[in-house]
Amino acid sequence: MSAEAVYDWLMHGSEASECDAFDRHVIAAIFSLAFADAEADRRNPLEGLGLTKAGLLDLARMFFPAAVEELDRTVPDLAPEVDAEEQSLRDILAMYSSEAGLLQRDLCVLIARRCKAPHHLWQDLGFRERGELSELMRRHFAPLAAKNRNDMKWKKFLYRMVCGAEGFTLCTAPVCSECEDFANCFGAEDGESRLAWARNAPDGTRLRAAE
């Protein structure tokens, strides 16, 4: 099943839910790519999400109750491994969360895992454009969004925060504007949504793009 088809399946009938529409879109987009990638690579979809099966079902009950039974039946209960780097990303996101709660906790898990994928972060979250990632960060990680006042690329920024917390120096340039690598951190994050790639690729193949 393509990422777009998974998204449509999850969203079908969910409009009646009392949950926030943007948050529902965010979770559906992330789930869609993880499930489509897992099917293509013959992997457990939890590997692309970073969630336990219990965490997956908790989010499904919140946003996609009609899909819970099918997810429970088809998703293997094999928790993904989390390395030190990913745990550091989770910790940074949790430290700068706007609120507490199940959704906030699981967003930290999902974003940290999707940071390990090879595209721009907004693409690997399944978003339609980078602006949706900025909205997500302002909404759920407001203190972190405030720190990224120069609008550095989010994946670069998150890893920079991790390195700072661990006492490492990611970059030795004294001023960003004078750095030869400026475009890699602040340049445009152009590209097509990965959901659109899945729709447009004639043979169903998945495209790759450098971060």
C-alpha atoms as a PDB file:
ATOM      1  CA  MET A   1       0.000   0.000   0.000  1.00  0.00           C
ATOM      2  CA  SER A   2       1.379   3.429  -0.922  1.00  0.00           C
ATOM      3  CA  ALA A   3       1.963   6.163   1.646  1.00  0.00           C
ATOM      4  CA  GLU A   4      -0.895   8.140   0.162  1.00  0.00           C
ATOM      5  CA  ALA A   5      -3.242   5.157   0.426  1.00  0.00           C
ATOM      6  CA  VAL A   6      -2.287   4.596   4.072  1.00  0.00           C
ATOM      7  CA  TYR A   7      -2.899   8.282   4.790  1.00  0.00           C
ATOM      8  CA  ASP A   8      -6.354   8.146   3.184  1.00  0.00           C
ATOM      9  CA  TRP A   9      -7.185   4.946   5.107  1.00  0.00           C
ATOM     10  CA  LEU A  10      -6.204   6.475   8.434  1.00  0.00           C
ATOM     11  CA  MET A  11      -8.017   9.738   7.800  1.00  0.00           C
ATOM     12  CA  HIS A  12     -11.215   8.130   6.493  1.00  0.00           C
ATOM     13  CA  GLY A  13     -13.970   8.706   9.013  1.00  0.00           C
ATOM     14  CA  SER A  14     -11.646  10.472  11.458  1.00  0.00           C
ATOM     15  CA  GLU A  15     -13.256  13.869  10.825  1.00  0.00           C
ATOM     16  CA  ALA A  16     -15.796  13.054  13.531  1.00  0.00           C
ATOM     17  CA  SER A  17     -13.013  12.840  16.106  1.00  0.00           C
ATOM     18  CA  GLU A  18     -12.791  15.645  18.630  1.00  0.00           C
ATOM     19  CA  CYS A  19      -8.993  15.735  18.238  1.00  0.00           C
ATOM     20  CA  ASP A  20      -7.292  18.712  16.653  1.00  0.00           C
ATOM     21  CA  ALA A  21      -7.314  18.439  12.839  1.00  0.00           C
ATOM     22  CA  PHE A  22      -3.710  19.561  12.380  1.00  0.00           C
ATOM     23  CA  ASP A  23      -2.398  17.114  14.979  1.00  0.00           C
ATOM     24  CA  ARG A  24      -4.405  14.338  13.337  1.00  0.00           C
ATOM     25  CA  HIS A  25      -2.835  15.219   9.972  1.00  0.00           C
ATOM     26  CA  VAL A  26       0.648  15.199  11.537  1.00  0.00           C
ATOM     27  CA  ILE A  27       0.265  11.705  12.993  1.00  0.00           C
ATOM     28  CA  ALA A  28      -1.376  10.342   9.831  1.00  0.00           C
ATOM     29  CA  ALA A  29       1.441  11.705   7.666  1.00  0.00           C
ATOM     30  CA  ILE A  30       4.174  10.183   9.843  1.00  0.00           C
ATOM     31  CA  PHE A  31       2.406   6.843  10.117  1.00  0.00           C
ATOM     32  CA  SER A  32       1.801   6.759   6.356  1.00  0.00           C
ATOM     33  CA  LEU A  33       5.451   7.047   5.373  1.00  0.00           C
ATOM     34  CA  ALA A  34       6.629   4.633   8.042  1.00  0.00           C
ATOM     35  CA  PHE A  35       4.114   1.996   6.968  1.00  0.00           C
ATOM     36  CA  ALA A  36       4.791   2.431   3.249  1.00  0.00           C
ATOM     37  CA  ASP A  37       8.561   2.273   3.759  1.00  0.00           C
ATOM     38  CA  ALA A  38       8.193  -0.785   5.974  1.00  0.00           C
ATOM     39  CA  GLU A  39       6.136  -2.597   3.370  1.00  0.00           C
ATOM     40  CA  ALA A  40       8.664  -1.775   0.644  1.00  0.00           C
ATOM     41  CA  ASP A  41      11.607  -2.915   2.792  1.00  0.00           C
ATOM     42  CA  ARG A  42       9.754  -5.788   4.479  1.00  0.00           C
ATOM     43  CA  ARG A  43      10.345  -4.373   7.934  1.00  0.00           C
ATOM     44  CA  ASN A  44       8.235  -3.840  11.031  1.00  0.00           C
ATOM     45  CA  PRO A  45       6.609  -0.382  10.692  1.00  0.00           C
ATOM     46  CA  LEU A  46       7.520   0.341  14.310  1.00  0.00           C
ATOM     47  CA  GLU A  47      11.144   0.620  13.144  1.00  0.00           C
ATOM     48  CA  GLY A  48      10.238   3.719  11.163  1.00  0.00           C
ATOM     49  CA  LEU A  49       8.285   5.222  14.030  1.00  0.00           C
ATOM     50  CA  GLY A  50      10.396   4.475  17.093  1.00  0.00           C
ATOM     51  CA  LEU A  51       7.212   3.630  18.987  1.00  0.00           C
ATOM     52  CA  THR A  52       6.316   0.514  20.909  1.00  0.00           C
ATOM     53  CA  LYS A  53       3.189  -1.244  19.717  1.00  0.00           C
ATOM     54  CA  ALA A  54       1.379   0.060  22.787  1.00  0.00           C
ATOM     55  CA  GLY A  55       2.396   3.599  21.851  1.00  0.00           C
ATOM     56  CA  LEU A  56       1.201   3.108  18.281  1.00  0.00           C
ATOM     57  CA  LEU A  57      -2.180   1.844  19.466  1.00  0.00           C
ATOM     58  CA  ASP A  58      -2.532   4.669  21.993  1.00  0.00           C
ATOM     59  CA  LEU A  59      -2.128   7.241  19.218  1.00  0.00           C
ATOM     60  CA  ALA A  60      -4.460   5.294  16.949  1.00  0.00           C
ATOM     61  CA  ARG A  61      -7.150   5.266  19.632  1.00  0.00           C
ATOM     62  CA  MET A  62      -6.759   9.017  19.976  1.00  0.00           C
ATOM     63  CA  PHE A  63      -6.795   9.922  16.277  1.00  0.00           C
ATOM     64  CA  PHE A  64      -7.903   6.904  14.192  1.00  0.00           C
ATOM     65  CA  PRO A  65     -10.169   4.684  16.307  1.00  0.00           C
ATOM     66  CA  ALA A  66     -11.523   2.884  13.242  1.00  0.00           C
ATOM     67  CA  ALA A  67      -7.999   1.637  12.427  1.00  0.00           C
ATOM     68  CA  VAL A  68      -7.099   0.287  15.883  1.00  0.00           C
ATOM     69  CA  GLU A  69      -8.319  -3.267  15.344  1.00  0.00           C
ATOM     70  CA  GLU A  70      -6.454  -3.656  12.036  1.00  0.00           C
ATOM     71  CA  LEU A  71      -3.258  -2.149  13.433  1.00  0.00           C
ATOM     72  CA  ASP A  72      -3.414  -4.382  16.481  1.00  0.00           C
ATOM     73  CA  ARG A  73      -3.857  -7.428  14.271  1.00  0.00           C
ATOM     74  CA  THR A  74      -1.140  -6.690  11.704  1.00  0.00           C
ATOM     75  CA  VAL A  75       1.689  -4.859  13.487  1.00  0.00           C
ATOM     76  CA  PRO A  76       4.228  -7.177  15.189  1.00  0.00           C
ATOM     77  CA  ASP A  77       4.874  -6.441  18.851  1.00  0.00           C
ATOM     78  CA  LEU A  78       8.630  -5.919  18.485  1.00  0.00           C
ATOM     79  CA  ALA A  79       9.907  -2.735  20.083  1.00  0.00           C
ATOM     80  CA  PRO A  80      12.541  -0.902  17.982  1.00  0.00           C
ATOM     81  CA  GLU A  81      16.036  -0.384  19.340  1.00  0.00           C
ATOM     82  CA  VAL A  82      16.994   3.161  20.346  1.00  0.00           C
ATOM     83  CA  ASP A  83      20.646   4.205  20.209  1.00  0.00           C
ATOM     84  CA  ALA A  84      22.299   6.924  22.283  1.00  0.00           C
ATOM     85  CA  GLU A  85      22.013   9.543  19.535  1.00  0.00           C
ATOM     86  CA  GLU A  86      18.298   9.009  19.120  1.00  0.00           C
ATOM     87  CA  GLN A  87      17.758   9.044  22.865  1.00  0.00           C
ATOM     88  CA  SER A  88      19.560  12.389  23.031  1.00  0.00           C
ATOM     89  CA  LEU A  89      17.220  13.771  20.373  1.00  0.00           C
ATOM     90  CA  ARG A  90      14.243  12.541  22.389  1.00  0.00           C
ATOM     91  CA  ASP A  91      15.626  14.160  25.522  1.00  0.00           C
ATOM     92  CA  ILE A  92      16.182  17.525  23.837  1.00  0.00           C
ATOM     93  CA  LEU A  93      12.660  17.523  22.413  1.00  0.00           C
ATOM     94  CA  ALA A  94      11.187  16.550  25.786  1.00  0.00           C
ATOM     95  CA  MET A  95      13.203  19.247  27.540  1.00  0.00           C
ATOM     96  CA  TYR A  96      11.742  21.946  25.279  1.00  0.00           C
ATOM     97  CA  SER A  97       8.188  20.629  25.014  1.00  0.00           C
ATOM     98  CA  SER A  98       5.356  23.103  25.358  1.00  0.00           C
ATOM     99  CA  GLU A  99       3.263  20.719  27.443  1.00  0.00           C
ATOM    100  CA  ALA A 100       3.112  17.244  28.926  1.00  0.00           C
ATOM    101  CA  GLY A 101       0.950  14.314  27.929  1.00  0.00           C
ATOM    102  CA  LEU A 102       0.790  11.245  25.724  1.00  0.00           C
ATOM    103  CA  LEU A 103       0.782  13.109  22.411  1.00  0.00           C
ATOM    104  CA  GLN A 104       3.731  15.251  23.416  1.00  0.00           C
ATOM    105  CA  ARG A 105       5.718  12.224  24.591  1.00  0.00           C
ATOM    106  CA  ASP A 106       5.065  10.328  21.391  1.00  0.00           C
ATOM    107  CA  LEU A 107       5.861  13.317  19.176  1.00  0.00           C
ATOM    108  CA  CYS A 108       9.331  13.368  20.764  1.00  0.00           C
ATOM    109  CA  VAL A 109       9.707   9.699  19.855  1.00  0.00           C
ATOM    110  CA  LEU A 110       8.418  10.103  16.295  1.00  0.00           C
ATOM    111  CA  ILE A 111      10.468  13.196  15.428  1.00  0.00           C
ATOM    112  CA  ALA A 112      13.653  11.714  16.872  1.00  0.00           C
ATOM    113  CA  ARG A 113      13.234   8.549  14.803  1.00  0.00           C
ATOM    114  CA  ARG A 114      12.355  10.418  11.595  1.00  0.00           C
ATOM    115  CA  CYS A 115      15.461  12.597  12.049  1.00  0.00           C
ATOM    116  CA  LYS A 116      17.462   9.499  11.142  1.00  0.00           C
ATOM    117  CA  ALA A 117      15.904   9.288   7.664  1.00  0.00           C
ATOM    118  CA  PRO A 118      17.871  10.781   4.726  1.00  0.00           C
ATOM    119  CA  HIS A 119      15.627  13.575   3.437  1.00  0.00           C
ATOM    120  CA  HIS A 120      14.690  16.987   4.761  1.00  0.00           C
ATOM    121  CA  LEU A 121      12.898  16.448   8.059  1.00  0.00           C
ATOM    122  CA  TRP A 122       9.608  17.898   6.815  1.00  0.00           C
ATOM    123  CA  GLN A 123       9.658  15.385   3.956  1.00  0.00           C
ATOM    124  CA  ASP A 124      10.372  12.409   6.201  1.00  0.00           C
ATOM    125  CA  LEU A 125       7.514  13.454   8.457  1.00  0.00           C
ATOM    126  CA  GLY A 126       5.252  13.232   5.389  1.00  0.00           C
ATOM    127  CA  PHE A 127       4.335  16.911   5.397  1.00  0.00           C
ATOM    128  CA  ARG A 128       3.120  18.817   2.357  1.00  0.00           C
ATOM    129  CA  GLU A 129       5.586  21.662   2.875  1.00  0.00           C
ATOM    130  CA  ARG A 130       8.219  22.873   5.329  1.00  0.00           C
ATOM    131  CA  GLY A 131       5.768  25.347   6.840  1.00  0.00           C
ATOM    132  CA  GLU A 132       3.883  22.473   8.446  1.00  0.00           C
ATOM    133  CA  LEU A 133       7.019  21.475  10.349  1.00  0.00           C
ATOM    134  CA  SER A 134       7.455  25.054  11.550  1.00  0.00           C
ATOM    135  CA  GLU A 135       3.826  25.046  12.723  1.00  0.00           C
ATOM    136  CA  LEU A 136       4.354  21.746  14.554  1.00  0.00           C
ATOM    137  CA  MET A 137       7.403  23.113  16.353  1.00  0.00           C
ATOM    138  CA  ARG A 138       5.679  26.359  17.323  1.00  0.00           C
ATOM    139  CA  ARG A 139       2.651  24.465  18.571  1.00  0.00           C
ATOM    140  CA  HIS A 140       4.286  21.650  20.533  1.00  0.00           C
ATOM    141  CA  PHE A 141       7.887  22.793  21.082  1.00  0.00           C
ATOM    142  CA  ALA A 142       7.526  26.547  21.461  1.00  0.00           C
ATOM    143  CA  PRO A 143      10.695  27.070  23.586  1.00  0.00           C
ATOM    144  CA  LEU A 144      12.714  25.220  20.951  1.00  0.00           C
ATOM    145  CA  ALA A 145      11.096  27.152  18.107  1.00  0.00           C
ATOM    146  CA  ALA A 146      12.018  30.381  19.882  1.00  0.00           C
ATOM    147  CA  LYS A 147      15.647  29.291  20.038  1.00  0.00           C
ATOM    148  CA  ASN A 148      15.708  28.664  16.296  1.00  0.00           C
ATOM    149  CA  ARG A 149      15.180  32.354  15.654  1.00  0.00           C
ATOM    150  CA  ASN A 150      17.334  32.373  12.508  1.00  0.00           C
ATOM    151  CA  ASP A 151      15.293  29.556  10.967  1.00  0.00           C
ATOM    152  CA  MET A 152      18.083  27.002  10.683  1.00  0.00           C
ATOM    153  CA  LYS A 153      17.056  23.761   9.008  1.00  0.00           C
ATOM    154  CA  TRP A 154      15.322  21.772  11.715  1.00  0.00           C
ATOM    155  CA  LYS A 155      17.364  18.599  11.461  1.00  0.00           C
ATOM    156  CA  LYS A 156      20.596  20.613  11.601  1.00  0.00           C
ATOM    157  CA  PHE A 157      19.245  22.616  14.528  1.00  0.00           C
ATOM    158  CA  LEU A 158      18.195  19.568  16.553  1.00  0.00           C
ATOM    159  CA  TYR A 159      21.550  17.865  16.128  1.00  0.00           C
ATOM    160  CA  ARG A 160      23.254  21.130  17.034  1.00  0.00           C
ATOM    161  CA  MET A 161      21.240  21.207  20.263  1.00  0.00           C
ATOM    162  CA  VAL A 162      22.212  17.604  21.021  1.00  0.00           C
ATOM    163  CA  CYS A 163      25.889  18.328  20.479  1.00  0.00           C
ATOM    164  CA  GLY A 164      25.688  21.386  22.705  1.00  0.00           C
ATOM    165  CA  ALA A 165      23.994  19.394  25.453  1.00  0.00           C
ATOM    166  CA  GLU A 166      26.667  16.695  25.207  1.00  0.00           C
ATOM    167  CA  GLY A 167      29.485  19.237  25.357  1.00  0.00           C
ATOM    168  CA  PHE A 168      30.598  18.877  21.748  1.00  0.00           C
ATOM    169  CA  THR A 169      31.156  21.581  19.157  1.00  0.00           C
ATOM    170  CA  LEU A 170      29.314  20.872  15.935  1.00  0.00           C
ATOM    171  CA  CYS A 171      30.643  23.909  14.089  1.00  0.00           C
ATOM    172  CA  THR A 172      33.774  25.999  14.573  1.00  0.00           C
ATOM    173  CA  ALA A 173      32.666  29.015  12.510  1.00  0.00           C
ATOM    174  CA  PRO A 174      32.468  32.116  14.754  1.00  0.00           C
ATOM    175  CA  VAL A 175      29.553  33.637  12.803  1.00  0.00           C
ATOM    176  CA  CYS A 176      27.076  31.699  10.675  1.00  0.00           C
ATOM    177  CA  SER A 177      26.952  34.374   7.965  1.00  0.00           C
ATOM    178  CA  GLU A 178      30.713  34.028   7.423  1.00  0.00           C
ATOM    179  CA  CYS A 179      30.674  30.223   7.209  1.00  0.00           C
ATOM    180  CA  GLU A 180      31.347  28.544   3.864  1.00  0.00           C
ATOM    181  CA  ASP A 181      28.782  25.894   4.781  1.00  0.00           C
ATOM    182  CA  PHE A 182      26.010  28.445   5.398  1.00  0.00           C
ATOM    183  CA  ALA A 183      23.675  27.070   2.713  1.00  0.00           C
ATOM    184  CA  ASN A 184      23.726  23.578   4.226  1.00  0.00           C
ATOM    185  CA  CYS A 185      22.310  24.923   7.483  1.00  0.00           C
ATOM    186  CA  PHE A 186      20.090  27.793   6.302  1.00  0.00           C
ATOM    187  CA  GLY A 187      19.432  27.251   2.584  1.00  0.00           C
ATOM    188  CA  ALA A 188      16.020  26.539   1.117  1.00  0.00           C
ATOM    189  CA  GLU A 189      14.525  23.142   1.916  1.00  0.00           C
ATOM    190  CA  ASP A 190      12.912  22.748  -1.461  1.00  0.00           C
ATOM    191  CA  GLY A 191      11.439  19.537  -2.758  1.00  0.00           C
ATOM    192  CA  GLU A 192       8.236  17.608  -3.168  1.00  0.00           C
ATOM    193  CA  SER A 193       6.270  15.984  -0.404  1.00  0.00           C
ATOM    194  CA  ARG A 194       7.079  12.282  -0.103  1.00  0.00           C
ATOM    195  CA  LEU A 195       3.357  11.572  -0.210  1.00  0.00           C
ATOM    196  CA  ALA A 196       3.348  13.289  -3.604  1.00  0.00           C
ATOM    197  CA  TRP A 197       6.366  11.216  -4.692  1.00  0.00           C
ATOM    198  CA  ALA A 198       4.432   8.071  -3.890  1.00  0.00           C
ATOM    199  CA  ARG A 199       1.512   9.337  -5.965  1.00  0.00           C
ATOM    200  CA  ASN A 200       3.584  10.475  -8.942  1.00  0.00           C
ATOM    201  CA  ALA A 201       6.193   7.701  -9.246  1.00  0.00           C
ATOM    202  CA  PRO A 202       4.906   5.586 -12.162  1.00  0.00           C
ATOM    203  CA  ASP A 203       6.340   2.285 -10.936  1.00  0.00           C
ATOM    204  CA  GLY A 204       5.813   2.853  -7.226  1.00  0.00           C
ATOM    205  CA  THR A 205       9.512   3.304  -6.595  1.00  0.00           C
ATOM    206  CA  ARG A 206      10.620   5.550  -3.732  1.00  0.00           C
ATOM    207  CA  LEU A 207      12.905   8.441  -4.539  1.00  0.00           C
ATOM    208  CA  ARG A 208      15.871   9.546  -2.472  1.00  0.00           C
ATOM    209  CA  ALA A 209      17.012  13.074  -1.785  1.00  0.00           C
ATOM    210  CA  ALA A 210      20.008  14.369   0.128  1.00  0.00           C
ATOM    211  CA  GLU A 211      19.418  16.340   3.335  1.00  0.00           C
END
